[in-house]
Amino acid sequence: MKTCELLFRGDGHNLSGFIIGRQLCVVSCFFIIAHVTYLNIEPGNGNNIFGVPDTTQTFFNMGFLATGIASGDWVLAEIHKRVAGFQRDEAYIGTAEEHEAKDLGDDKEVEHALAKLP
């Protein structure tokens, strides 16, 4: 609840600022990982990483290796989800229909803050 209060405080501009900041953080992480994983091995000298062909080594030297590493996180997350037995969010918090059937209602303060969003 504290997070919602912070995000929707004031004129409701905190949420958009948070989303933009989060996206900038993600993009920055990709650039940092790309810089860290960048290779500069001269193809054709027999020193290619893992003994790959020269064309593959040239591709590795471009710095795209980070994209593969970051995309691999999704695979690891999916495996972890299956091993740990995680379910979709609806299993934990319920669906909109279930909330309506239980007549839980909505938080009027959050609704008011959402109406202020640009």
N, C-alpha and C. Protein backbone atom coordinates (compact mmCIF):
# COMPACT_ATOMS: atom_id res chain seq x y z
N MET A 1 0.83 -1.19 0.00
CA MET A 1 0.00 0.00 0.00
C MET A 1 0.87 1.26 0.00
N LYS A 2 2.02 1.19 0.72
CA LYS A 2 2.92 2.35 0.77
C LYS A 2 3.41 2.72 -0.63
N THR A 3 3.68 1.69 -1.45
CA THR A 3 4.15 1.96 -2.81
C THR A 3 3.09 2.69 -3.60
N CYS A 4 1.84 2.26 -3.49
CA CYS A 4 0.74 2.94 -4.20
C CYS A 4 0.60 4.38 -3.74
N GLU A 5 0.71 4.59 -2.42
CA GLU A 5 0.61 5.95 -1.90
C GLU A 5 1.70 6.84 -2.48
N LEU A 6 2.91 6.32 -2.58
CA LEU A 6 4.02 7.09 -3.12
C LEU A 6 3.84 7.35 -4.62
N LEU A 7 3.43 6.32 -5.36
CA LEU A 7 3.30 6.46 -6.81
C LEU A 7 2.16 7.40 -7.22
N PHE A 8 1.09 7.43 -6.42
CA PHE A 8 -0.07 8.22 -6.81
C PHE A 8 -0.22 9.51 -6.01
N ARG A 9 0.80 9.87 -5.22
CA ARG A 9 0.75 11.10 -4.42
C ARG A 9 0.79 12.33 -5.32
N GLY A 10 0.21 13.40 -4.83
CA GLY A 10 0.28 14.67 -5.56
C GLY A 10 -0.59 14.68 -6.80
N ASP A 11 0.00 15.11 -7.90
CA ASP A 11 -0.76 15.21 -9.15
C ASP A 11 -0.81 13.93 -9.94
N GLY A 12 -0.29 12.85 -9.41
CA GLY A 12 -0.32 11.58 -10.11
C GLY A 12 0.78 11.42 -11.13
N HIS A 13 1.82 12.27 -11.08
CA HIS A 13 2.92 12.19 -12.05
C HIS A 13 4.03 11.27 -11.58
N ASN A 14 3.97 10.80 -10.35
CA ASN A 14 5.02 9.92 -9.83
C ASN A 14 5.06 8.59 -10.58
N LEU A 15 3.90 8.08 -10.98
CA LEU A 15 3.85 6.79 -11.67
C LEU A 15 4.58 6.86 -13.01
N SER A 16 4.31 7.88 -13.79
CA SER A 16 4.98 7.99 -15.09
C SER A 16 6.48 8.19 -14.90
N GLY A 17 6.88 8.95 -13.89
CA GLY A 17 8.30 9.12 -13.60
C GLY A 17 8.96 7.81 -13.21
N PHE A 18 8.25 7.01 -12.42
CA PHE A 18 8.77 5.71 -12.02
C PHE A 18 8.94 4.79 -13.23
N ILE A 19 7.95 4.76 -14.10
CA ILE A 19 8.01 3.89 -15.27
C ILE A 19 9.15 4.30 -16.20
N ILE A 20 9.32 5.60 -16.41
CA ILE A 20 10.41 6.08 -17.26
C ILE A 20 11.76 5.75 -16.62
N GLY A 21 11.87 5.98 -15.31
CA GLY A 21 13.12 5.66 -14.62
C GLY A 21 13.45 4.19 -14.67
N ARG A 22 12.43 3.34 -14.54
CA ARG A 22 12.65 1.90 -14.62
C ARG A 22 13.14 1.51 -15.99
N GLN A 23 12.55 2.07 -17.02
CA GLN A 23 12.97 1.74 -18.39
C GLN A 23 14.39 2.20 -18.66
N LEU A 24 14.74 3.38 -18.17
CA LEU A 24 16.12 3.86 -18.33
C LEU A 24 17.10 2.94 -17.62
N CYS A 25 16.70 2.43 -16.47
CA CYS A 25 17.56 1.49 -15.73
C CYS A 25 17.76 0.21 -16.53
N VAL A 26 16.70 -0.32 -17.12
CA VAL A 26 16.81 -1.54 -17.92
C VAL A 26 17.72 -1.32 -19.13
N VAL A 27 17.53 -0.22 -19.84
CA VAL A 27 18.36 0.07 -21.01
C VAL A 27 19.82 0.24 -20.59
N SER A 28 20.05 0.93 -19.49
CA SER A 28 21.42 1.10 -19.00
C SER A 28 22.07 -0.23 -18.68
N CYS A 29 21.29 -1.13 -18.08
CA CYS A 29 21.83 -2.46 -17.76
C CYS A 29 22.26 -3.19 -19.03
N PHE A 30 21.49 -3.08 -20.10
CA PHE A 30 21.87 -3.72 -21.36
C PHE A 30 23.19 -3.17 -21.88
N PHE A 31 23.35 -1.84 -21.82
CA PHE A 31 24.60 -1.25 -22.30
C PHE A 31 25.78 -1.65 -21.42
N ILE A 32 25.57 -1.70 -20.11
CA ILE A 32 26.66 -2.09 -19.21
C ILE A 32 27.05 -3.53 -19.45
N ILE A 33 26.06 -4.42 -19.57
CA ILE A 33 26.36 -5.84 -19.83
C ILE A 33 27.05 -5.99 -21.18
N ALA A 34 26.61 -5.22 -22.17
CA ALA A 34 27.25 -5.29 -23.49
C ALA A 34 28.71 -4.85 -23.39
N HIS A 35 28.97 -3.82 -22.62
CA HIS A 35 30.34 -3.34 -22.48
C HIS A 35 31.21 -4.36 -21.75
N VAL A 36 30.67 -4.98 -20.72
CA VAL A 36 31.43 -5.96 -19.93
C VAL A 36 31.71 -7.22 -20.74
N THR A 37 30.76 -7.63 -21.56
CA THR A 37 30.92 -8.88 -22.31
C THR A 37 31.53 -8.68 -23.68
N TYR A 38 31.90 -7.46 -24.02
CA TYR A 38 32.49 -7.17 -25.33
C TYR A 38 33.82 -7.92 -25.48
N LEU A 39 34.00 -8.53 -26.62
CA LEU A 39 35.24 -9.25 -26.91
C LEU A 39 36.02 -8.53 -28.00
N ASN A 40 37.30 -8.58 -27.90
CA ASN A 40 38.15 -7.99 -28.93
C ASN A 40 39.27 -8.99 -29.26
N ILE A 41 38.87 -10.11 -29.81
CA ILE A 41 39.81 -11.17 -30.19
C ILE A 41 39.96 -11.14 -31.70
N GLU A 42 41.16 -11.04 -32.16
CA GLU A 42 41.44 -10.98 -33.60
C GLU A 42 41.15 -12.34 -34.23
N PRO A 43 40.16 -12.42 -35.13
CA PRO A 43 39.87 -13.70 -35.80
C PRO A 43 41.04 -14.10 -36.72
N GLY A 44 41.25 -15.40 -36.85
CA GLY A 44 42.26 -15.91 -37.77
C GLY A 44 43.59 -16.23 -37.12
N ASN A 45 43.73 -15.96 -35.83
CA ASN A 45 44.99 -16.25 -35.14
C ASN A 45 44.95 -17.60 -34.41
N GLY A 46 43.81 -18.27 -34.47
CA GLY A 46 43.67 -19.55 -33.77
C GLY A 46 43.35 -19.40 -32.30
N ASN A 47 43.07 -18.18 -31.85
CA ASN A 47 42.76 -17.93 -30.44
C ASN A 47 41.28 -17.66 -30.21
N ASN A 48 40.42 -18.07 -31.12
CA ASN A 48 38.99 -17.80 -30.99
C ASN A 48 38.44 -18.44 -29.72
N ILE A 49 37.51 -17.73 -29.09
CA ILE A 49 36.90 -18.22 -27.86
C ILE A 49 36.12 -19.51 -28.16
N PHE A 50 36.28 -20.50 -27.35
CA PHE A 50 35.63 -21.81 -27.49
C PHE A 50 35.97 -22.49 -28.81
N GLY A 51 36.97 -22.00 -29.52
CA GLY A 51 37.37 -22.62 -30.79
C GLY A 51 36.36 -22.44 -31.91
N VAL A 52 35.56 -21.37 -31.85
CA VAL A 52 34.53 -21.13 -32.87
C VAL A 52 35.19 -20.66 -34.17
N PRO A 53 34.48 -20.79 -35.30
CA PRO A 53 35.02 -20.29 -36.57
C PRO A 53 35.22 -18.77 -36.55
N ASP A 54 36.01 -18.27 -37.49
CA ASP A 54 36.34 -16.85 -37.54
C ASP A 54 35.11 -15.96 -37.71
N THR A 55 34.14 -16.40 -38.52
CA THR A 55 32.93 -15.58 -38.72
C THR A 55 32.14 -15.45 -37.42
N THR A 56 32.07 -16.54 -36.66
CA THR A 56 31.37 -16.50 -35.37
C THR A 56 32.11 -15.59 -34.41
N GLN A 57 33.44 -15.65 -34.41
CA GLN A 57 34.23 -14.79 -33.54
C GLN A 57 34.03 -13.32 -33.90
N THR A 58 33.92 -13.03 -35.18
CA THR A 58 33.66 -11.65 -35.62
C THR A 58 32.31 -11.18 -35.07
N PHE A 59 31.31 -12.06 -35.09
CA PHE A 59 30.00 -11.72 -34.53
C PHE A 59 30.10 -11.47 -33.03
N PHE A 60 30.84 -12.32 -32.32
CA PHE A 60 31.02 -12.13 -30.89
C PHE A 60 31.69 -10.79 -30.58
N ASN A 61 32.60 -10.38 -31.43
CA ASN A 61 33.32 -9.13 -31.21
C ASN A 61 32.43 -7.90 -31.36
N MET A 62 31.25 -8.05 -31.95
CA MET A 62 30.34 -6.91 -32.13
C MET A 62 29.66 -6.48 -30.84
N GLY A 63 29.68 -7.31 -29.81
CA GLY A 63 29.09 -6.94 -28.54
C GLY A 63 27.65 -7.39 -28.36
N PHE A 64 27.13 -8.20 -29.27
CA PHE A 64 25.76 -8.68 -29.15
C PHE A 64 25.62 -9.81 -28.14
N LEU A 65 26.72 -10.26 -27.58
CA LEU A 65 26.69 -11.34 -26.62
C LEU A 65 25.83 -10.99 -25.41
N ALA A 66 25.82 -9.71 -25.04
CA ALA A 66 25.04 -9.27 -23.88
C ALA A 66 23.55 -9.50 -24.10
N THR A 67 23.08 -9.29 -25.30
CA THR A 67 21.66 -9.50 -25.58
C THR A 67 21.28 -10.94 -25.34
N GLY A 68 22.14 -11.85 -25.74
CA GLY A 68 21.88 -13.27 -25.49
C GLY A 68 21.88 -13.61 -24.02
N ILE A 69 22.79 -13.01 -23.27
CA ILE A 69 22.85 -13.25 -21.83
C ILE A 69 21.59 -12.72 -21.16
N ALA A 70 21.19 -11.50 -21.51
CA ALA A 70 20.01 -10.90 -20.90
C ALA A 70 18.74 -11.67 -21.31
N SER A 71 18.68 -12.14 -22.54
CA SER A 71 17.52 -12.92 -22.97
C SER A 71 17.50 -14.28 -22.29
N GLY A 72 18.67 -14.79 -21.98
CA GLY A 72 18.75 -16.08 -21.29
C GLY A 72 18.13 -16.02 -19.90
N ASP A 73 18.06 -14.82 -19.30
CA ASP A 73 17.43 -14.69 -17.99
C ASP A 73 15.97 -15.12 -18.02
N TRP A 74 15.31 -14.84 -19.13
CA TRP A 74 13.90 -15.25 -19.25
C TRP A 74 13.78 -16.77 -19.22
N VAL A 75 14.72 -17.45 -19.84
CA VAL A 75 14.70 -18.91 -19.84
C VAL A 75 14.90 -19.43 -18.42
N LEU A 76 15.88 -18.86 -17.72
CA LEU A 76 16.12 -19.27 -16.33
C LEU A 76 14.91 -18.98 -15.44
N ALA A 77 14.25 -17.86 -15.67
CA ALA A 77 13.05 -17.52 -14.89
C ALA A 77 11.93 -18.52 -15.15
N GLU A 78 11.77 -18.94 -16.38
CA GLU A 78 10.74 -19.93 -16.71
C GLU A 78 11.04 -21.27 -16.05
N ILE A 79 12.29 -21.67 -16.07
CA ILE A 79 12.68 -22.93 -15.41
C ILE A 79 12.42 -22.82 -13.92
N HIS A 80 12.81 -21.70 -13.31
CA HIS A 80 12.59 -21.50 -11.88
C HIS A 80 11.11 -21.52 -11.54
N LYS A 81 10.29 -20.94 -12.40
CA LYS A 81 8.85 -20.92 -12.19
C LYS A 81 8.30 -22.34 -12.12
N ARG A 82 8.78 -23.19 -13.02
CA ARG A 82 8.28 -24.58 -13.05
C ARG A 82 8.80 -25.39 -11.86
N VAL A 83 10.06 -25.19 -11.51
CA VAL A 83 10.65 -25.93 -10.40
C VAL A 83 10.00 -25.53 -9.07
N ALA A 84 9.80 -24.23 -8.88
CA ALA A 84 9.24 -23.73 -7.63
C ALA A 84 7.71 -23.86 -7.57
N GLY A 85 7.09 -24.14 -8.70
CA GLY A 85 5.64 -24.31 -8.72
C GLY A 85 4.87 -23.00 -8.68
N PHE A 86 5.47 -21.92 -9.17
CA PHE A 86 4.77 -20.63 -9.21
C PHE A 86 3.59 -20.71 -10.16
N GLN A 87 2.56 -19.92 -9.85
CA GLN A 87 1.37 -19.86 -10.69
C GLN A 87 1.19 -18.43 -11.20
N ARG A 88 0.23 -18.26 -12.09
CA ARG A 88 -0.06 -16.92 -12.58
C ARG A 88 -0.58 -16.06 -11.42
N ASP A 89 -0.49 -14.75 -11.57
CA ASP A 89 -0.89 -13.82 -10.51
C ASP A 89 -2.33 -14.04 -10.04
N GLU A 90 -3.20 -14.43 -10.96
CA GLU A 90 -4.61 -14.61 -10.62
C GLU A 90 -4.80 -15.67 -9.53
N ALA A 91 -3.90 -16.64 -9.47
CA ALA A 91 -4.02 -17.69 -8.47
C ALA A 91 -3.80 -17.13 -7.07
N TYR A 92 -3.06 -16.07 -6.94
CA TYR A 92 -2.74 -15.48 -5.64
C TYR A 92 -3.66 -14.33 -5.27
N ILE A 93 -4.00 -13.49 -6.24
CA ILE A 93 -4.78 -12.29 -5.91
C ILE A 93 -6.22 -12.37 -6.42
N GLY A 94 -6.54 -13.35 -7.25
CA GLY A 94 -7.88 -13.50 -7.77
C GLY A 94 -8.11 -12.67 -9.02
N THR A 95 -9.22 -12.90 -9.65
CA THR A 95 -9.57 -12.17 -10.87
C THR A 95 -10.53 -11.03 -10.53
N ALA A 96 -10.76 -10.16 -11.49
CA ALA A 96 -11.70 -9.05 -11.29
C ALA A 96 -13.10 -9.59 -11.01
N GLU A 97 -13.46 -10.69 -11.68
CA GLU A 97 -14.78 -11.28 -11.48
C GLU A 97 -14.95 -11.81 -10.06
N GLU A 98 -13.88 -12.43 -9.52
CA GLU A 98 -13.94 -12.94 -8.15
C GLU A 98 -14.08 -11.80 -7.14
N HIS A 99 -13.37 -10.70 -7.39
CA HIS A 99 -13.48 -9.55 -6.50
C HIS A 99 -14.88 -8.95 -6.55
N GLU A 100 -15.45 -8.92 -7.74
CA GLU A 100 -16.80 -8.37 -7.88
C GLU A 100 -17.81 -9.27 -7.18
N ALA A 101 -17.64 -10.57 -7.30
CA ALA A 101 -18.57 -11.51 -6.66
C ALA A 101 -18.50 -11.40 -5.14
N LYS A 102 -17.32 -11.12 -4.60
CA LYS A 102 -17.15 -10.99 -3.15
C LYS A 102 -17.52 -9.59 -2.66
N ASP A 103 -17.84 -8.70 -3.60
CA ASP A 103 -18.20 -7.32 -3.30
C ASP A 103 -17.13 -6.65 -2.43
N LEU A 104 -15.86 -6.79 -2.88
CA LEU A 104 -14.75 -6.20 -2.14
C LEU A 104 -14.63 -4.70 -2.39
N GLY A 105 -15.12 -4.25 -3.52
CA GLY A 105 -15.06 -2.83 -3.83
C GLY A 105 -13.66 -2.40 -4.22
N ASP A 106 -13.54 -1.14 -4.53
CA ASP A 106 -12.26 -0.57 -4.94
C ASP A 106 -11.83 0.48 -3.93
N ASP A 107 -10.55 0.73 -3.90
CA ASP A 107 -10.00 1.77 -3.04
C ASP A 107 -10.23 3.11 -3.72
N LYS A 108 -11.06 3.94 -3.16
CA LYS A 108 -11.44 5.22 -3.79
C LYS A 108 -10.25 6.16 -3.93
N GLU A 109 -9.28 6.11 -3.00
CA GLU A 109 -8.11 6.98 -3.11
C GLU A 109 -7.28 6.63 -4.34
N VAL A 110 -7.12 5.34 -4.61
CA VAL A 110 -6.35 4.91 -5.78
C VAL A 110 -7.10 5.29 -7.05
N GLU A 111 -8.42 5.10 -7.07
CA GLU A 111 -9.21 5.49 -8.24
C GLU A 111 -9.06 6.98 -8.52
N HIS A 112 -9.09 7.79 -7.47
CA HIS A 112 -8.95 9.24 -7.63
C HIS A 112 -7.58 9.60 -8.20
N ALA A 113 -6.54 8.93 -7.72
CA ALA A 113 -5.19 9.20 -8.22
C ALA A 113 -5.05 8.76 -9.66
N LEU A 114 -5.65 7.64 -10.03
CA LEU A 114 -5.58 7.15 -11.41
C LEU A 114 -6.26 8.13 -12.36
N ALA A 115 -7.32 8.77 -11.90
CA ALA A 115 -8.04 9.72 -12.75
C ALA A 115 -7.17 10.94 -13.06
N LYS A 116 -6.17 11.23 -12.22
CA LYS A 116 -5.31 12.38 -12.42
C LYS A 116 -4.17 12.12 -13.39
N LEU A 117 -3.92 10.86 -13.72
CA LEU A 117 -2.80 10.55 -14.59
C LEU A 117 -2.97 11.21 -15.96
N PRO A 118 -1.86 11.70 -16.53
CA PRO A 118 -1.97 12.38 -17.83
C PRO A 118 -2.33 11.43 -18.95
